[in-house]
N, C-alpha and C. Protein backbone atom coordinates (compact mmCIF):
# COMPACT_ATOMS: atom_id res chain seq x y z
N MET A 1 6.07 -36.72 -1.24
CA MET A 1 7.02 -37.25 -2.20
C MET A 1 8.22 -37.86 -1.48
N ALA A 2 8.52 -37.40 -0.29
CA ALA A 2 9.68 -37.89 0.43
C ALA A 2 9.38 -39.17 1.21
N LEU A 3 8.11 -39.49 1.40
CA LEU A 3 7.76 -40.66 2.21
C LEU A 3 8.38 -41.96 1.69
N PRO A 4 8.40 -42.24 0.39
CA PRO A 4 9.04 -43.48 -0.06
C PRO A 4 10.55 -43.52 0.23
N LEU A 5 11.15 -42.36 0.39
CA LEU A 5 12.59 -42.27 0.65
C LEU A 5 12.91 -42.09 2.13
N LYS A 6 11.92 -42.28 2.97
CA LYS A 6 12.07 -41.99 4.39
C LYS A 6 13.23 -42.76 5.01
N THR A 7 13.36 -44.02 4.71
CA THR A 7 14.46 -44.81 5.29
C THR A 7 15.81 -44.38 4.74
N ASP A 8 15.87 -44.03 3.45
CA ASP A 8 17.14 -43.58 2.86
C ASP A 8 17.56 -42.21 3.41
N LEU A 9 16.59 -41.38 3.76
CA LEU A 9 16.91 -40.05 4.28
C LEU A 9 17.39 -40.08 5.73
N ALA A 10 17.19 -41.19 6.40
CA ALA A 10 17.61 -41.30 7.80
C ALA A 10 19.12 -41.13 7.94
N LYS A 11 19.88 -41.55 6.96
CA LYS A 11 21.35 -41.39 7.04
C LYS A 11 21.76 -39.92 6.96
N TYR A 12 20.85 -39.06 6.51
CA TYR A 12 21.11 -37.62 6.48
C TYR A 12 20.46 -36.91 7.66
N PHE A 13 20.10 -37.70 8.67
CA PHE A 13 19.49 -37.20 9.91
C PHE A 13 18.14 -36.53 9.67
N VAL A 14 17.43 -37.01 8.68
CA VAL A 14 16.06 -36.55 8.45
C VAL A 14 15.16 -37.61 9.05
N GLY A 15 14.59 -37.27 10.21
CA GLY A 15 13.79 -38.24 10.94
C GLY A 15 12.32 -37.88 10.97
N GLU A 16 11.63 -38.50 11.90
CA GLU A 16 10.18 -38.30 12.03
C GLU A 16 9.83 -36.84 12.34
N ALA A 17 10.64 -36.18 13.17
CA ALA A 17 10.37 -34.79 13.52
C ALA A 17 10.43 -33.89 12.29
N GLU A 18 11.41 -34.12 11.44
CA GLU A 18 11.54 -33.31 10.22
C GLU A 18 10.37 -33.56 9.25
N PHE A 19 9.95 -34.85 9.15
CA PHE A 19 8.81 -35.16 8.29
C PHE A 19 7.54 -34.49 8.81
N THR A 20 7.35 -34.53 10.12
CA THR A 20 6.18 -33.89 10.71
C THR A 20 6.20 -32.39 10.45
N LYS A 21 7.38 -31.80 10.60
CA LYS A 21 7.52 -30.36 10.36
C LYS A 21 7.24 -30.02 8.90
N MET A 22 7.75 -30.85 7.98
CA MET A 22 7.51 -30.60 6.55
C MET A 22 6.03 -30.71 6.22
N GLU A 23 5.35 -31.70 6.79
CA GLU A 23 3.92 -31.85 6.56
C GLU A 23 3.15 -30.64 7.06
N ARG A 24 3.52 -30.16 8.24
CA ARG A 24 2.85 -28.99 8.83
C ARG A 24 3.10 -27.76 7.96
N LEU A 25 4.34 -27.55 7.54
CA LEU A 25 4.65 -26.40 6.70
C LEU A 25 3.94 -26.47 5.35
N LEU A 26 3.84 -27.68 4.80
CA LEU A 26 3.16 -27.85 3.52
C LEU A 26 1.68 -27.50 3.65
N SER A 27 1.04 -27.96 4.72
CA SER A 27 -0.37 -27.64 4.89
C SER A 27 -0.57 -26.15 5.15
N GLU A 28 0.32 -25.51 5.90
CA GLU A 28 0.23 -24.07 6.13
C GLU A 28 0.41 -23.30 4.82
N PHE A 29 1.32 -23.77 3.98
CA PHE A 29 1.56 -23.14 2.69
C PHE A 29 0.31 -23.23 1.81
N LYS A 30 -0.30 -24.42 1.78
CA LYS A 30 -1.50 -24.60 0.97
C LYS A 30 -2.64 -23.72 1.45
N LEU A 31 -2.73 -23.50 2.75
CA LEU A 31 -3.77 -22.62 3.29
C LEU A 31 -3.47 -21.15 3.01
N ALA A 32 -2.19 -20.79 2.90
CA ALA A 32 -1.81 -19.39 2.70
C ALA A 32 -2.03 -18.92 1.27
N ILE A 33 -2.03 -19.80 0.31
CA ILE A 33 -2.16 -19.40 -1.10
C ILE A 33 -3.47 -18.65 -1.35
N PRO A 34 -4.63 -19.17 -0.93
CA PRO A 34 -5.86 -18.39 -1.17
C PRO A 34 -5.88 -17.07 -0.42
N LYS A 35 -5.29 -17.01 0.77
CA LYS A 35 -5.27 -15.76 1.52
C LYS A 35 -4.50 -14.69 0.76
N ARG A 36 -3.40 -15.07 0.15
CA ARG A 36 -2.61 -14.12 -0.63
C ARG A 36 -3.41 -13.64 -1.84
N ARG A 37 -4.10 -14.55 -2.48
CA ARG A 37 -4.89 -14.15 -3.65
C ARG A 37 -6.00 -13.18 -3.25
N VAL A 38 -6.63 -13.44 -2.12
CA VAL A 38 -7.68 -12.54 -1.65
C VAL A 38 -7.09 -11.18 -1.32
N ALA A 39 -5.92 -11.16 -0.68
CA ALA A 39 -5.27 -9.90 -0.33
C ALA A 39 -4.92 -9.10 -1.59
N ILE A 40 -4.44 -9.77 -2.61
CA ILE A 40 -4.10 -9.09 -3.86
C ILE A 40 -5.37 -8.53 -4.50
N SER A 41 -6.43 -9.31 -4.48
CA SER A 41 -7.69 -8.87 -5.06
C SER A 41 -8.24 -7.65 -4.32
N VAL A 42 -8.21 -7.68 -3.00
CA VAL A 42 -8.68 -6.55 -2.20
C VAL A 42 -7.83 -5.32 -2.48
N SER A 43 -6.53 -5.51 -2.59
CA SER A 43 -5.62 -4.41 -2.87
C SER A 43 -5.93 -3.77 -4.23
N LYS A 44 -6.16 -4.60 -5.24
CA LYS A 44 -6.47 -4.07 -6.58
C LYS A 44 -7.79 -3.30 -6.58
N VAL A 45 -8.79 -3.83 -5.88
CA VAL A 45 -10.08 -3.14 -5.82
C VAL A 45 -9.92 -1.80 -5.10
N SER A 46 -9.17 -1.81 -4.00
CA SER A 46 -8.96 -0.57 -3.24
C SER A 46 -8.22 0.46 -4.08
N THR A 47 -7.21 0.02 -4.80
CA THR A 47 -6.46 0.93 -5.66
C THR A 47 -7.37 1.51 -6.74
N GLY A 48 -8.24 0.69 -7.28
CA GLY A 48 -9.18 1.17 -8.29
C GLY A 48 -10.17 2.17 -7.74
N ASN A 49 -10.50 2.06 -6.46
CA ASN A 49 -11.47 2.96 -5.84
C ASN A 49 -10.87 4.28 -5.38
N ILE A 50 -9.57 4.38 -5.33
CA ILE A 50 -8.91 5.58 -4.80
C ILE A 50 -9.32 6.83 -5.59
N ASP A 51 -9.34 6.73 -6.90
CA ASP A 51 -9.68 7.89 -7.72
C ASP A 51 -11.07 8.41 -7.39
N GLY A 52 -12.03 7.51 -7.24
CA GLY A 52 -13.39 7.91 -6.90
C GLY A 52 -13.48 8.57 -5.53
N VAL A 53 -12.73 8.05 -4.58
CA VAL A 53 -12.73 8.62 -3.23
C VAL A 53 -12.15 10.03 -3.26
N PHE A 54 -11.05 10.21 -3.97
CA PHE A 54 -10.45 11.54 -4.06
C PHE A 54 -11.40 12.53 -4.74
N LYS A 55 -12.08 12.10 -5.78
CA LYS A 55 -13.02 12.98 -6.47
C LYS A 55 -14.18 13.37 -5.55
N ALA A 56 -14.68 12.41 -4.77
CA ALA A 56 -15.79 12.70 -3.85
C ALA A 56 -15.35 13.68 -2.76
N GLN A 57 -14.13 13.49 -2.23
CA GLN A 57 -13.64 14.40 -1.19
C GLN A 57 -13.38 15.79 -1.76
N ASP A 58 -12.86 15.83 -2.97
CA ASP A 58 -12.60 17.12 -3.61
C ASP A 58 -13.92 17.86 -3.86
N LYS A 59 -14.95 17.13 -4.27
CA LYS A 59 -16.28 17.73 -4.48
C LYS A 59 -16.83 18.28 -3.17
N LEU A 60 -16.67 17.54 -2.07
CA LEU A 60 -17.12 18.01 -0.76
C LEU A 60 -16.41 19.31 -0.38
N LEU A 61 -15.10 19.34 -0.58
CA LEU A 61 -14.34 20.55 -0.23
C LEU A 61 -14.77 21.73 -1.10
N LYS A 62 -14.82 21.53 -2.41
CA LYS A 62 -15.10 22.64 -3.32
C LYS A 62 -16.55 23.11 -3.24
N ASP A 63 -17.49 22.18 -3.17
CA ASP A 63 -18.90 22.56 -3.22
C ASP A 63 -19.48 22.97 -1.87
N GLU A 64 -18.95 22.44 -0.80
CA GLU A 64 -19.57 22.71 0.50
C GLU A 64 -18.67 23.52 1.43
N LEU A 65 -17.49 23.02 1.72
CA LEU A 65 -16.65 23.71 2.70
C LEU A 65 -16.15 25.07 2.20
N ASP A 66 -15.75 25.13 0.94
CA ASP A 66 -15.29 26.41 0.40
C ASP A 66 -16.40 27.47 0.49
N ALA A 67 -17.63 27.04 0.21
CA ALA A 67 -18.77 27.98 0.28
C ALA A 67 -19.02 28.44 1.72
N LEU A 68 -18.78 27.56 2.68
CA LEU A 68 -18.98 27.93 4.08
C LEU A 68 -17.92 28.91 4.58
N VAL A 69 -16.74 28.85 3.99
CA VAL A 69 -15.62 29.70 4.44
C VAL A 69 -15.65 31.07 3.76
N GLU A 70 -16.26 31.18 2.60
CA GLU A 70 -16.27 32.45 1.85
C GLU A 70 -16.73 33.65 2.67
N PRO A 71 -17.76 33.55 3.52
CA PRO A 71 -18.18 34.74 4.28
C PRO A 71 -17.09 35.29 5.22
N PHE A 72 -16.09 34.49 5.55
CA PHE A 72 -15.03 34.93 6.47
C PHE A 72 -13.87 35.61 5.75
N GLN A 73 -13.97 35.76 4.43
CA GLN A 73 -12.87 36.33 3.66
C GLN A 73 -12.49 37.72 4.15
N PHE A 74 -13.47 38.54 4.50
CA PHE A 74 -13.17 39.90 4.93
C PHE A 74 -13.28 40.09 6.44
N SER A 75 -14.18 39.33 7.09
CA SER A 75 -14.34 39.50 8.55
C SER A 75 -13.23 38.79 9.33
N GLN A 76 -12.72 37.67 8.82
CA GLN A 76 -11.64 36.92 9.48
C GLN A 76 -10.58 36.55 8.43
N PRO A 77 -9.82 37.54 7.93
CA PRO A 77 -8.90 37.26 6.83
C PRO A 77 -7.80 36.26 7.20
N ASP A 78 -7.34 36.25 8.46
CA ASP A 78 -6.30 35.29 8.85
C ASP A 78 -6.82 33.86 8.75
N PHE A 79 -8.03 33.64 9.26
CA PHE A 79 -8.65 32.32 9.17
C PHE A 79 -8.86 31.92 7.71
N PHE A 80 -9.38 32.84 6.93
CA PHE A 80 -9.66 32.56 5.52
C PHE A 80 -8.37 32.21 4.77
N ASN A 81 -7.32 32.97 4.99
CA ASN A 81 -6.04 32.70 4.31
C ASN A 81 -5.43 31.38 4.77
N ALA A 82 -5.56 31.08 6.06
CA ALA A 82 -5.04 29.79 6.57
C ALA A 82 -5.79 28.63 5.92
N TYR A 83 -7.10 28.79 5.78
CA TYR A 83 -7.91 27.75 5.13
C TYR A 83 -7.49 27.57 3.68
N LYS A 84 -7.34 28.67 2.97
CA LYS A 84 -6.95 28.59 1.56
C LYS A 84 -5.56 27.95 1.40
N ASN A 85 -4.64 28.30 2.31
CA ASN A 85 -3.32 27.68 2.26
C ASN A 85 -3.40 26.17 2.51
N ALA A 86 -4.24 25.78 3.45
CA ALA A 86 -4.43 24.36 3.72
C ALA A 86 -5.05 23.66 2.52
N ARG A 87 -5.94 24.32 1.84
CA ARG A 87 -6.56 23.73 0.64
C ARG A 87 -5.54 23.53 -0.47
N ASN A 88 -4.57 24.43 -0.56
CA ASN A 88 -3.53 24.24 -1.57
C ASN A 88 -2.76 22.96 -1.32
N ILE A 89 -2.53 22.62 -0.07
CA ILE A 89 -1.82 21.38 0.26
C ILE A 89 -2.70 20.19 -0.08
N VAL A 90 -4.01 20.27 0.19
CA VAL A 90 -4.92 19.17 -0.10
C VAL A 90 -4.98 18.91 -1.59
N ASP A 91 -4.96 19.96 -2.39
CA ASP A 91 -5.03 19.80 -3.84
C ASP A 91 -3.71 19.37 -4.46
N TYR A 92 -2.67 19.26 -3.68
CA TYR A 92 -1.36 18.86 -4.17
C TYR A 92 -1.46 17.48 -4.82
N SER A 93 -0.98 17.35 -6.03
CA SER A 93 -1.19 16.12 -6.78
C SER A 93 -0.05 15.11 -6.65
N GLY A 94 1.02 15.43 -6.02
CA GLY A 94 2.13 14.47 -5.88
C GLY A 94 3.40 15.03 -6.46
N ARG A 95 4.44 14.26 -6.31
CA ARG A 95 5.75 14.72 -6.73
C ARG A 95 6.03 14.49 -8.20
N GLY A 96 5.35 13.57 -8.80
CA GLY A 96 5.67 13.25 -10.18
C GLY A 96 6.87 12.33 -10.24
N LYS A 97 7.42 12.19 -11.42
CA LYS A 97 8.55 11.28 -11.59
C LYS A 97 9.85 11.99 -11.25
N ALA A 98 10.69 11.30 -10.53
CA ALA A 98 11.98 11.85 -10.16
C ALA A 98 12.94 11.77 -11.35
N ALA A 99 13.85 12.71 -11.41
CA ALA A 99 14.85 12.70 -12.47
C ALA A 99 15.81 11.54 -12.22
N PRO A 100 16.28 10.88 -13.27
CA PRO A 100 17.21 9.77 -13.07
C PRO A 100 18.51 10.27 -12.45
N VAL A 101 19.08 9.45 -11.62
CA VAL A 101 20.32 9.80 -10.94
C VAL A 101 21.47 9.53 -11.90
N THR A 102 22.31 10.55 -12.09
CA THR A 102 23.48 10.40 -12.95
C THR A 102 24.69 10.10 -12.08
N PRO A 103 25.36 8.98 -12.32
CA PRO A 103 26.51 8.64 -11.49
C PRO A 103 27.66 9.62 -11.72
N VAL A 104 28.37 9.92 -10.67
CA VAL A 104 29.52 10.82 -10.76
C VAL A 104 30.75 9.97 -11.04
N VAL A 105 31.45 10.33 -12.11
CA VAL A 105 32.66 9.59 -12.48
C VAL A 105 33.86 10.45 -12.19
N ASN A 106 34.77 9.95 -11.37
CA ASN A 106 35.99 10.68 -11.05
C ASN A 106 37.09 10.27 -12.03
N PRO A 107 37.60 11.21 -12.82
CA PRO A 107 38.70 10.84 -13.73
C PRO A 107 39.97 10.60 -12.94
N ILE A 108 40.70 9.63 -13.36
CA ILE A 108 41.95 9.28 -12.64
C ILE A 108 43.12 9.92 -13.32
């Protein structure tokens, strides 16, 4: 769009180097648009898959590893308790929503 105004822009010190740079940046921008869309799409798919991955890992822990550790409940109580404590951390669901911050007003 600036090419027809190229001679008029010369008085503002916009020369051939600036036009070349603008053309290069424009082509890089046009190439970057699909990459961003692909990245957003991959991110959405990954986010959608997170729940399934957590459920599969939880099933592995509950159905297989917990059963393997049960025999150590009485023979190795320290190991068993450490495992159970670690499992409590794994089952931790998150912090939830934080309470809104109430601003402190100093009366004058």
